[in-house]
Amino acid sequence: MLKYINQVNVKFSPFAKNARTPRIFLSRVMMDEARLLNPHIKINTTVFTDINAQPSISVTFRDGKTLDFATEAMKIDDVLNVVKKHARKLRDLEEANS
């Protein structure tokens, strides 16, 4: 998945109840195994002090497409499914052009 991503922006308040999805997503993209797939990925984190701030995730792919998620009501699986779906499209295009 990370092989096809250029940039990830995660914004959340760490003490808010609705910050679970951004925290889990951030932990997954920061794993050593994931970072080895794409050592040039840019990961930006914004931590809010206001627990009422809206958490969000923004993912920019190699093809320039940006997916923005307002994650206060989303589960991590929902976010990952959408991101993986676009990454699969890019992988298929890369394989077709090879």
PDB file of N, CA and C in Angstrom:
ATOM      1  N   MET A   1       0.828  -1.185   0.000  1.00  0.00           N
ATOM      2  CA  MET A   1       0.000   0.000   0.000  1.00  0.00           C
ATOM      3  C   MET A   1       0.877   1.256   0.000  1.00  0.00           C
ATOM      4  N   LEU A   2       1.872   1.333   0.884  1.00  0.00           N
ATOM      5  CA  LEU A   2       2.688   2.538   0.995  1.00  0.00           C
ATOM      6  C   LEU A   2       3.573   2.777  -0.218  1.00  0.00           C
ATOM      7  N   LYS A   3       3.813   1.758  -0.991  1.00  0.00           N
ATOM      8  CA  LYS A   3       4.666   1.890  -2.170  1.00  0.00           C
ATOM      9  C   LYS A   3       4.122   2.946  -3.135  1.00  0.00           C
ATOM     10  N   TYR A   4       2.821   3.136  -3.158  1.00  0.00           N
ATOM     11  CA  TYR A   4       2.171   4.027  -4.114  1.00  0.00           C
ATOM     12  C   TYR A   4       1.753   5.364  -3.501  1.00  0.00           C
ATOM     13  N   ILE A   5       2.172   5.620  -2.277  1.00  0.00           N
ATOM     14  CA  ILE A   5       1.779   6.845  -1.573  1.00  0.00           C
ATOM     15  C   ILE A   5       2.973   7.786  -1.464  1.00  0.00           C
ATOM     16  N   ASN A   6       2.742   9.067  -1.761  1.00  0.00           N
ATOM     17  CA  ASN A   6       3.791  10.077  -1.628  1.00  0.00           C
ATOM     18  C   ASN A   6       3.743  10.779  -0.277  1.00  0.00           C
ATOM     19  N   GLN A   7       2.527  11.062   0.206  1.00  0.00           N
ATOM     20  CA  GLN A   7       2.406  11.873   1.415  1.00  0.00           C
ATOM     21  C   GLN A   7       1.183  11.461   2.216  1.00  0.00           C
ATOM     22  N   VAL A   8       1.331  11.521   3.540  1.00  0.00           N
ATOM     23  CA  VAL A   8       0.232  11.260   4.469  1.00  0.00           C
ATOM     24  C   VAL A   8       0.186  12.418   5.458  1.00  0.00           C
ATOM     25  N   ASN A   9      -0.997  12.996   5.639  1.00  0.00           N
ATOM     26  CA  ASN A   9      -1.215  14.037   6.644  1.00  0.00           C
ATOM     27  C   ASN A   9      -2.256  13.520   7.628  1.00  0.00           C
ATOM     28  N   VAL A  10      -1.901  13.529   8.892  1.00  0.00           N
ATOM     29  CA  VAL A  10      -2.808  13.057   9.937  1.00  0.00           C
ATOM     30  C   VAL A  10      -2.974  14.174  10.951  1.00  0.00           C
ATOM     31  N   LYS A  11      -4.234  14.491  11.262  1.00  0.00           N
ATOM     32  CA  LYS A  11      -4.534  15.546  12.234  1.00  0.00           C
ATOM     33  C   LYS A  11      -5.485  14.977  13.273  1.00  0.00           C
ATOM     34  N   PHE A  12      -5.142  15.153  14.558  1.00  0.00           N
ATOM     35  CA  PHE A  12      -6.012  14.631  15.615  1.00  0.00           C
ATOM     36  C   PHE A  12      -5.612  15.197  16.968  1.00  0.00           C
ATOM     37  N   SER A  13      -6.515  15.079  17.912  1.00  0.00           N
ATOM     38  CA  SER A  13      -6.242  15.398  19.303  1.00  0.00           C
ATOM     39  C   SER A  13      -6.048  14.062  20.015  1.00  0.00           C
ATOM     40  N   PRO A  14      -4.880  13.804  20.573  1.00  0.00           N
ATOM     41  CA  PRO A  14      -4.594  12.473  21.098  1.00  0.00           C
ATOM     42  C   PRO A  14      -5.491  12.030  22.249  1.00  0.00           C
ATOM     43  N   PHE A  15      -6.109  12.954  22.933  1.00  0.00           N
ATOM     44  CA  PHE A  15      -6.940  12.595  24.079  1.00  0.00           C
ATOM     45  C   PHE A  15      -8.424  12.525  23.764  1.00  0.00           C
ATOM     46  N   ALA A  16      -8.789  12.810  22.535  1.00  0.00           N
ATOM     47  CA  ALA A  16     -10.198  12.768  22.139  1.00  0.00           C
ATOM     48  C   ALA A  16     -10.619  11.329  21.833  1.00  0.00           C
ATOM     49  N   LYS A  17     -11.864  11.026  22.106  1.00  0.00           N
ATOM     50  CA  LYS A  17     -12.387   9.681  21.840  1.00  0.00           C
ATOM     51  C   LYS A  17     -12.425   9.379  20.339  1.00  0.00           C
ATOM     52  N   ASN A  18     -12.632  10.401  19.531  1.00  0.00           N
ATOM     53  CA  ASN A  18     -12.764  10.191  18.089  1.00  0.00           C
ATOM     54  C   ASN A  18     -11.417  10.151  17.362  1.00  0.00           C
ATOM     55  N   ALA A  19     -10.315  10.080  18.101  1.00  0.00           N
ATOM     56  CA  ALA A  19      -8.983  10.077  17.485  1.00  0.00           C
ATOM     57  C   ALA A  19      -8.427   8.673  17.285  1.00  0.00           C
ATOM     58  N   ARG A  20      -9.214   7.655  17.548  1.00  0.00           N
ATOM     59  CA  ARG A  20      -8.704   6.284  17.456  1.00  0.00           C
ATOM     60  C   ARG A  20      -8.269   5.933  16.029  1.00  0.00           C
ATOM     61  N   THR A  21      -9.096   6.231  15.048  1.00  0.00           N
ATOM     62  CA  THR A  21      -8.771   5.895  13.663  1.00  0.00           C
ATOM     63  C   THR A  21      -7.491   6.581  13.182  1.00  0.00           C
ATOM     64  N   PRO A  22      -7.314   7.887  13.382  1.00  0.00           N
ATOM     65  CA  PRO A  22      -6.054   8.512  12.950  1.00  0.00           C
ATOM     66  C   PRO A  22      -4.830   7.951  13.685  1.00  0.00           C
ATOM     67  N   ARG A  23      -4.973   7.641  14.976  1.00  0.00           N
ATOM     68  CA  ARG A  23      -3.842   7.082  15.724  1.00  0.00           C
ATOM     69  C   ARG A  23      -3.431   5.723  15.177  1.00  0.00           C
ATOM     70  N   ILE A  24      -4.408   4.869  14.893  1.00  0.00           N
ATOM     71  CA  ILE A  24      -4.105   3.543  14.361  1.00  0.00           C
ATOM     72  C   ILE A  24      -3.505   3.654  12.965  1.00  0.00           C
ATOM     73  N   PHE A  25      -4.071   4.522  12.119  1.00  0.00           N
ATOM     74  CA  PHE A  25      -3.539   4.704  10.770  1.00  0.00           C
ATOM     75  C   PHE A  25      -2.090   5.187  10.835  1.00  0.00           C
ATOM     76  N   LEU A  26      -1.821   6.148  11.686  1.00  0.00           N
ATOM     77  CA  LEU A  26      -0.466   6.664  11.835  1.00  0.00           C
ATOM     78  C   LEU A  26       0.483   5.570  12.302  1.00  0.00           C
ATOM     79  N   SER A  27       0.053   4.753  13.229  1.00  0.00           N
ATOM     80  CA  SER A  27       0.932   3.678  13.703  1.00  0.00           C
ATOM     81  C   SER A  27       1.221   2.670  12.594  1.00  0.00           C
ATOM     82  N   ARG A  28       0.268   2.431  11.730  1.00  0.00           N
ATOM     83  CA  ARG A  28       0.483   1.480  10.635  1.00  0.00           C
ATOM     84  C   ARG A  28       1.447   2.012   9.586  1.00  0.00           C
ATOM     85  N   VAL A  29       1.361   3.285   9.253  1.00  0.00           N
ATOM     86  CA  VAL A  29       2.283   3.827   8.238  1.00  0.00           C
ATOM     87  C   VAL A  29       3.666   4.095   8.809  1.00  0.00           C
ATOM     88  N   MET A  30       3.792   4.149  10.131  1.00  0.00           N
ATOM     89  CA  MET A  30       5.085   4.386  10.762  1.00  0.00           C
ATOM     90  C   MET A  30       5.836   3.098  11.085  1.00  0.00           C
ATOM     91  N   MET A  31       5.227   1.952  10.861  1.00  0.00           N
ATOM     92  CA  MET A  31       5.895   0.684  11.150  1.00  0.00           C
ATOM     93  C   MET A  31       7.133   0.537  10.275  1.00  0.00           C
ATOM     94  N   ASP A  32       8.177  -0.078  10.807  1.00  0.00           N
ATOM     95  CA  ASP A  32       9.424  -0.235  10.062  1.00  0.00           C
ATOM     96  C   ASP A  32       9.222  -0.997   8.765  1.00  0.00           C
ATOM     97  N   GLU A  33       8.412  -2.052   8.796  1.00  0.00           N
ATOM     98  CA  GLU A  33       8.176  -2.840   7.590  1.00  0.00           C
ATOM     99  C   GLU A  33       7.506  -1.997   6.504  1.00  0.00           C
ATOM    100  N   ALA A  34       6.573  -1.169   6.913  1.00  0.00           N
ATOM    101  CA  ALA A  34       5.872  -0.318   5.956  1.00  0.00           C
ATOM    102  C   ALA A  34       6.809   0.757   5.408  1.00  0.00           C
ATOM    103  N   ARG A  35       7.647   1.325   6.245  1.00  0.00           N
ATOM    104  CA  ARG A  35       8.558   2.391   5.812  1.00  0.00           C
ATOM    105  C   ARG A  35       9.627   1.870   4.850  1.00  0.00           C
ATOM    106  N   LEU A  36       9.966   0.586   4.960  1.00  0.00           N
ATOM    107  CA  LEU A  36      10.950   0.007   4.045  1.00  0.00           C
ATOM    108  C   LEU A  36      10.424  -0.054   2.614  1.00  0.00           C
ATOM    109  N   LEU A  37       9.107  -0.177   2.465  1.00  0.00           N
ATOM    110  CA  LEU A  37       8.508  -0.217   1.133  1.00  0.00           C
ATOM    111  C   LEU A  37       8.628   1.119   0.412  1.00  0.00           C
ATOM    112  N   ASN A  38       8.594   2.200   1.165  1.00  0.00           N
ATOM    113  CA  ASN A  38       8.664   3.526   0.569  1.00  0.00           C
ATOM    114  C   ASN A  38       9.415   4.464   1.524  1.00  0.00           C
ATOM    115  N   PRO A  39      10.746   4.472   1.469  1.00  0.00           N
ATOM    116  CA  PRO A  39      11.507   5.312   2.402  1.00  0.00           C
ATOM    117  C   PRO A  39      11.369   6.816   2.128  1.00  0.00           C
ATOM    118  N   HIS A  40      10.798   7.201   0.989  1.00  0.00           N
ATOM    119  CA  HIS A  40      10.673   8.621   0.631  1.00  0.00           C
ATOM    120  C   HIS A  40       9.309   9.203   0.977  1.00  0.00           C
ATOM    121  N   ILE A  41       8.454   8.427   1.611  1.00  0.00           N
ATOM    122  CA  ILE A  41       7.118   8.916   1.961  1.00  0.00           C
ATOM    123  C   ILE A  41       7.242  10.059   2.978  1.00  0.00           C
ATOM    124  N   LYS A  42       6.399  11.064   2.808  1.00  0.00           N
ATOM    125  CA  LYS A  42       6.368  12.194   3.744  1.00  0.00           C
ATOM    126  C   LYS A  42       5.166  12.001   4.655  1.00  0.00           C
ATOM    127  N   ILE A  43       5.420  11.976   5.946  1.00  0.00           N
ATOM    128  CA  ILE A  43       4.351  11.810   6.923  1.00  0.00           C
ATOM    129  C   ILE A  43       4.321  13.053   7.801  1.00  0.00           C
ATOM    130  N   ASN A  44       3.205  13.766   7.742  1.00  0.00           N
ATOM    131  CA  ASN A  44       3.026  14.985   8.526  1.00  0.00           C
ATOM    132  C   ASN A  44       1.943  14.729   9.571  1.00  0.00           C
ATOM    133  N   THR A  45       2.241  15.112  10.797  1.00  0.00           N
ATOM    134  CA  THR A  45       1.289  14.929  11.885  1.00  0.00           C
ATOM    135  C   THR A  45       1.003  16.269  12.527  1.00  0.00           C
ATOM    136  N   THR A  46      -0.269  16.563  12.700  1.00  0.00           N
ATOM    137  CA  THR A  46      -0.689  17.756  13.421  1.00  0.00           C
ATOM    138  C   THR A  46      -1.460  17.298  14.648  1.00  0.00           C
ATOM    139  N   VAL A  47      -0.972  17.685  15.819  1.00  0.00           N
ATOM    140  CA  VAL A  47      -1.613  17.298  17.069  1.00  0.00           C
ATOM    141  C   VAL A  47      -2.338  18.520  17.622  1.00  0.00           C
ATOM    142  N   PHE A  48      -3.641  18.363  17.811  1.00  0.00           N
ATOM    143  CA  PHE A  48      -4.463  19.449  18.353  1.00  0.00           C
ATOM    144  C   PHE A  48      -4.517  19.354  19.872  1.00  0.00           C
ATOM    145  N   THR A  49      -4.600  20.486  20.533  1.00  0.00           N
ATOM    146  CA  THR A  49      -4.790  20.490  21.980  1.00  0.00           C
ATOM    147  C   THR A  49      -6.270  20.525  22.337  1.00  0.00           C
ATOM    148  N   ASP A  50      -7.093  20.933  21.404  1.00  0.00           N
ATOM    149  CA  ASP A  50      -8.540  21.002  21.606  1.00  0.00           C
ATOM    150  C   ASP A  50      -9.151  19.627  21.331  1.00  0.00           C
ATOM    151  N   ILE A  51      -9.764  19.012  22.338  1.00  0.00           N
ATOM    152  CA  ILE A  51     -10.330  17.672  22.140  1.00  0.00           C
ATOM    153  C   ILE A  51     -11.564  17.689  21.243  1.00  0.00           C
ATOM    154  N   ASN A  52     -12.084  18.867  20.935  1.00  0.00           N
ATOM    155  CA  ASN A  52     -13.231  18.978  20.036  1.00  0.00           C
ATOM    156  C   ASN A  52     -12.827  19.164  18.576  1.00  0.00           C
ATOM    157  N   ALA A  53     -11.533  19.232  18.312  1.00  0.00           N
ATOM    158  CA  ALA A  53     -11.051  19.398  16.937  1.00  0.00           C
ATOM    159  C   ALA A  53     -11.380  18.158  16.120  1.00  0.00           C
ATOM    160  N   GLN A  54     -11.705  18.365  14.863  1.00  0.00           N
ATOM    161  CA  GLN A  54     -12.088  17.264  13.986  1.00  0.00           C
ATOM    162  C   GLN A  54     -10.849  16.531  13.472  1.00  0.00           C
ATOM    163  N   PRO A  55     -10.757  15.221  13.718  1.00  0.00           N
ATOM    164  CA  PRO A  55      -9.616  14.467  13.204  1.00  0.00           C
ATOM    165  C   PRO A  55      -9.759  14.234  11.709  1.00  0.00           C
ATOM    166  N   SER A  56      -8.608  14.125  11.021  1.00  0.00           N
ATOM    167  CA  SER A  56      -8.664  13.877   9.588  1.00  0.00           C
ATOM    168  C   SER A  56      -7.398  13.171   9.119  1.00  0.00           C
ATOM    169  N   ILE A  57      -7.538  12.513   7.987  1.00  0.00           N
ATOM    170  CA  ILE A  57      -6.419  11.855   7.324  1.00  0.00           C
ATOM    171  C   ILE A  57      -6.470  12.262   5.863  1.00  0.00           C
ATOM    172  N   SER A  58      -5.317  12.618   5.312  1.00  0.00           N
ATOM    173  CA  SER A  58      -5.207  12.954   3.905  1.00  0.00           C
ATOM    174  C   SER A  58      -4.065  12.123   3.318  1.00  0.00           C
ATOM    175  N   VAL A  59      -4.351  11.428   2.217  1.00  0.00           N
ATOM    176  CA  VAL A  59      -3.360  10.562   1.584  1.00  0.00           C
ATOM    177  C   VAL A  59      -3.183  11.010   0.137  1.00  0.00           C
ATOM    178  N   THR A  60      -1.945  11.309  -0.258  1.00  0.00           N
ATOM    179  CA  THR A  60      -1.636  11.703  -1.627  1.00  0.00           C
ATOM    180  C   THR A  60      -0.846  10.580  -2.294  1.00  0.00           C
ATOM    181  N   PHE A  61      -1.347  10.126  -3.439  1.00  0.00           N
ATOM    182  CA  PHE A  61      -0.741   9.015  -4.163  1.00  0.00           C
ATOM    183  C   PHE A  61       0.217   9.520  -5.230  1.00  0.00           C
ATOM    184  N   ARG A  62       0.970   8.583  -5.804  1.00  0.00           N
ATOM    185  CA  ARG A  62       1.940   8.907  -6.860  1.00  0.00           C
ATOM    186  C   ARG A  62       1.301   9.579  -8.063  1.00  0.00           C
ATOM    187  N   ASP A  63       0.071   9.198  -8.374  1.00  0.00           N
ATOM    188  CA  ASP A  63      -0.589   9.763  -9.544  1.00  0.00           C
ATOM    189  C   ASP A  63      -1.179  11.150  -9.283  1.00  0.00           C
ATOM    190  N   GLY A  64      -0.986  11.679  -8.078  1.00  0.00           N
ATOM    191  CA  GLY A  64      -1.470  13.013  -7.738  1.00  0.00           C
ATOM    192  C   GLY A  64      -2.835  13.031  -7.076  1.00  0.00           C
ATOM    193  N   LYS A  65      -3.514  11.909  -7.045  1.00  0.00           N
ATOM    194  CA  LYS A  65      -4.835  11.859  -6.419  1.00  0.00           C
ATOM    195  C   LYS A  65      -4.687  11.963  -4.909  1.00  0.00           C
ATOM    196  N   THR A  66      -5.556  12.772  -4.301  1.00  0.00           N
ATOM    197  CA  THR A  66      -5.564  12.947  -2.856  1.00  0.00           C
ATOM    198  C   THR A  66      -6.898  12.468  -2.308  1.00  0.00           C
ATOM    199  N   LEU A  67      -6.829  11.607  -1.309  1.00  0.00           N
ATOM    200  CA  LEU A  67      -8.022  11.141  -0.613  1.00  0.00           C
ATOM    201  C   LEU A  67      -8.054  11.802   0.754  1.00  0.00           C
ATOM    202  N   ASP A  68      -9.157  12.487   1.052  1.00  0.00           N
ATOM    203  CA  ASP A  68      -9.325  13.156   2.339  1.00  0.00           C
ATOM    204  C   ASP A  68     -10.425  12.454   3.122  1.00  0.00           C
ATOM    205  N   PHE A  69     -10.147  12.182   4.382  1.00  0.00           N
ATOM    206  CA  PHE A  69     -11.102  11.497   5.242  1.00  0.00           C
ATOM    207  C   PHE A  69     -11.350  12.327   6.487  1.00  0.00           C
ATOM    208  N   ALA A  70     -12.618  12.609   6.777  1.00  0.00           N
ATOM    209  CA  ALA A  70     -13.016  13.177   8.059  1.00  0.00           C
ATOM    210  C   ALA A  70     -13.329  11.962   8.930  1.00  0.00           C
ATOM    211  N   THR A  71     -12.440  11.648   9.844  1.00  0.00           N
ATOM    212  CA  THR A  71     -12.456  10.331  10.476  1.00  0.00           C
ATOM    213  C   THR A  71     -13.213  10.237  11.795  1.00  0.00           C
ATOM    214  N   GLU A  72     -13.923  11.277  12.189  1.00  0.00           N
ATOM    215  CA  GLU A  72     -14.572  11.217  13.501  1.00  0.00           C
ATOM    216  C   GLU A  72     -15.594  10.081  13.600  1.00  0.00           C
ATOM    217  N   ALA A  73     -16.191   9.681  12.500  1.00  0.00           N
ATOM    218  CA  ALA A  73     -17.187   8.607  12.534  1.00  0.00           C
ATOM    219  C   ALA A  73     -16.753   7.397  11.702  1.00  0.00           C
ATOM    220  N   MET A  74     -15.478   7.331  11.334  1.00  0.00           N
ATOM    221  CA  MET A  74     -15.008   6.231  10.491  1.00  0.00           C
ATOM    222  C   MET A  74     -14.186   5.234  11.297  1.00  0.00           C
ATOM    223  N   LYS A  75     -14.268   3.998  10.914  1.00  0.00           N
ATOM    224  CA  LYS A  75     -13.437   2.944  11.486  1.00  0.00           C
ATOM    225  C   LYS A  75     -12.164   2.835  10.651  1.00  0.00           C
ATOM    226  N   ILE A  76     -11.120   2.284  11.242  1.00  0.00           N
ATOM    227  CA  ILE A  76      -9.847   2.146  10.539  1.00  0.00           C
ATOM    228  C   ILE A  76      -9.997   1.269   9.300  1.00  0.00           C
ATOM    229  N   ASP A  77     -10.814   0.236   9.367  1.00  0.00           N
ATOM    230  CA  ASP A  77     -11.008  -0.646   8.210  1.00  0.00           C
ATOM    231  C   ASP A  77     -11.615   0.098   7.026  1.00  0.00           C
ATOM    232  N   ASP A  78     -12.508   1.043   7.295  1.00  0.00           N
ATOM    233  CA  ASP A  78     -13.117   1.835   6.219  1.00  0.00           C
ATOM    234  C   ASP A  78     -12.050   2.655   5.490  1.00  0.00           C
ATOM    235  N   VAL A  79     -11.190   3.295   6.245  1.00  0.00           N
ATOM    236  CA  VAL A  79     -10.128   4.117   5.655  1.00  0.00           C
ATOM    237  C   VAL A  79      -9.158   3.238   4.872  1.00  0.00           C
ATOM    238  N   LEU A  80      -8.720   2.146   5.485  1.00  0.00           N
ATOM    239  CA  LEU A  80      -7.757   1.262   4.830  1.00  0.00           C
ATOM    240  C   LEU A  80      -8.314   0.649   3.553  1.00  0.00           C
ATOM    241  N   ASN A  81      -9.592   0.296   3.544  1.00  0.00           N
ATOM    242  CA  ASN A  81     -10.186  -0.287   2.338  1.00  0.00           C
ATOM    243  C   ASN A  81     -10.148   0.682   1.160  1.00  0.00           C
ATOM    244  N   VAL A  82     -10.460   1.945   1.401  1.00  0.00           N
ATOM    245  CA  VAL A  82     -10.451   2.938   0.327  1.00  0.00           C
ATOM    246  C   VAL A  82      -9.019   3.191  -0.152  1.00  0.00           C
ATOM    247  N   VAL A  83      -8.087   3.306   0.780  1.00  0.00           N
ATOM    248  CA  VAL A  83      -6.691   3.559   0.417  1.00  0.00           C
ATOM    249  C   VAL A  83      -6.129   2.367  -0.355  1.00  0.00           C
ATOM    250  N   LYS A  84      -6.385   1.166   0.126  1.00  0.00           N
ATOM    251  CA  LYS A  84      -5.882  -0.033  -0.553  1.00  0.00           C
ATOM    252  C   LYS A  84      -6.510  -0.205  -1.935  1.00  0.00           C
ATOM    253  N   LYS A  85      -7.761   0.188  -2.078  1.00  0.00           N
ATOM    254  CA  LYS A  85      -8.433   0.069  -3.376  1.00  0.00           C
ATOM    255  C   LYS A  85      -7.725   0.922  -4.426  1.00  0.00           C
ATOM    256  N   HIS A  86      -7.398   2.160  -4.073  1.00  0.00           N
ATOM    257  CA  HIS A  86      -6.698   3.020  -5.039  1.00  0.00           C
ATOM    258  C   HIS A  86      -5.266   2.528  -5.268  1.00  0.00           C
ATOM    259  N   ALA A  87      -4.618   2.039  -4.228  1.00  0.00           N
ATOM    260  CA  ALA A  87      -3.261   1.505  -4.380  1.00  0.00           C
ATOM    261  C   ALA A  87      -3.261   0.286  -5.306  1.00  0.00           C
ATOM    262  N   ARG A  88      -4.302  -0.539  -5.226  1.00  0.00           N
ATOM    263  CA  ARG A  88      -4.415  -1.697  -6.131  1.00  0.00           C
ATOM    264  C   ARG A  88      -4.562  -1.242  -7.572  1.00  0.00           C
ATOM    265  N   LYS A  89      -5.329  -0.176  -7.797  1.00  0.00           N
ATOM    266  CA  LYS A  89      -5.478   0.364  -9.155  1.00  0.00           C
ATOM    267  C   LYS A  89      -4.127   0.806  -9.703  1.00  0.00           C
ATOM    268  N   LEU A  90      -3.350   1.482  -8.874  1.00  0.00           N
ATOM    269  CA  LEU A  90      -2.028   1.941  -9.312  1.00  0.00           C
ATOM    270  C   LEU A  90      -1.096   0.757  -9.560  1.00  0.00           C
ATOM    271  N   ARG A  91      -1.181  -0.252  -8.720  1.00  0.00           N
ATOM    272  CA  ARG A  91      -0.358  -1.455  -8.921  1.00  0.00           C
ATOM    273  C   ARG A  91      -0.715  -2.147 -10.224  1.00  0.00           C
ATOM    274  N   ASP A  92      -2.022  -2.271 -10.490  1.00  0.00           N
ATOM    275  CA  ASP A  92      -2.468  -2.911 -11.729  1.00  0.00           C
ATOM    276  C   ASP A  92      -2.011  -2.126 -12.953  1.00  0.00           C
ATOM    277  N   LEU A  93      -2.079  -0.804 -12.893  1.00  0.00           N
ATOM    278  CA  LEU A  93      -1.589   0.024 -13.998  1.00  0.00           C
ATOM    279  C   LEU A  93      -0.090  -0.150 -14.195  1.00  0.00           C
ATOM    280  N   GLU A  94       0.646  -0.222 -13.111  1.00  0.00           N
ATOM    281  CA  GLU A  94       2.091  -0.410 -13.200  1.00  0.00           C
ATOM    282  C   GLU A  94       2.430  -1.769 -13.814  1.00  0.00           C
ATOM    283  N   GLU A  95       1.693  -2.799 -13.419  1.00  0.00           N
ATOM    284  CA  GLU A  95       1.924  -4.126 -13.974  1.00  0.00           C
ATOM    285  C   GLU A  95       1.535  -4.191 -15.447  1.00  0.00           C
ATOM    286  N   ALA A  96       0.471  -3.493 -15.824  1.00  0.00           N
ATOM    287  CA  ALA A  96       0.031  -3.499 -17.219  1.00  0.00           C
ATOM    288  C   ALA A  96       1.041  -2.767 -18.119  1.00  0.00           C
ATOM    289  N   ASN A  97       1.709  -1.760 -17.580  1.00  0.00           N
ATOM    290  CA  ASN A  97       2.684  -0.993 -18.359  1.00  0.00           C
ATOM    291  C   ASN A  97       4.054  -1.648 -18.390  1.00  0.00           C
ATOM    292  N   SER A  98       4.246  -2.679 -17.602  1.00  0.00           N
ATOM    293  CA  SER A  98       5.560  -3.363 -17.567  1.00  0.00           C
ATOM    294  C   SER A  98       5.692  -4.373 -18.669  1.00  0.00           C
TER     295      SER A  98
END
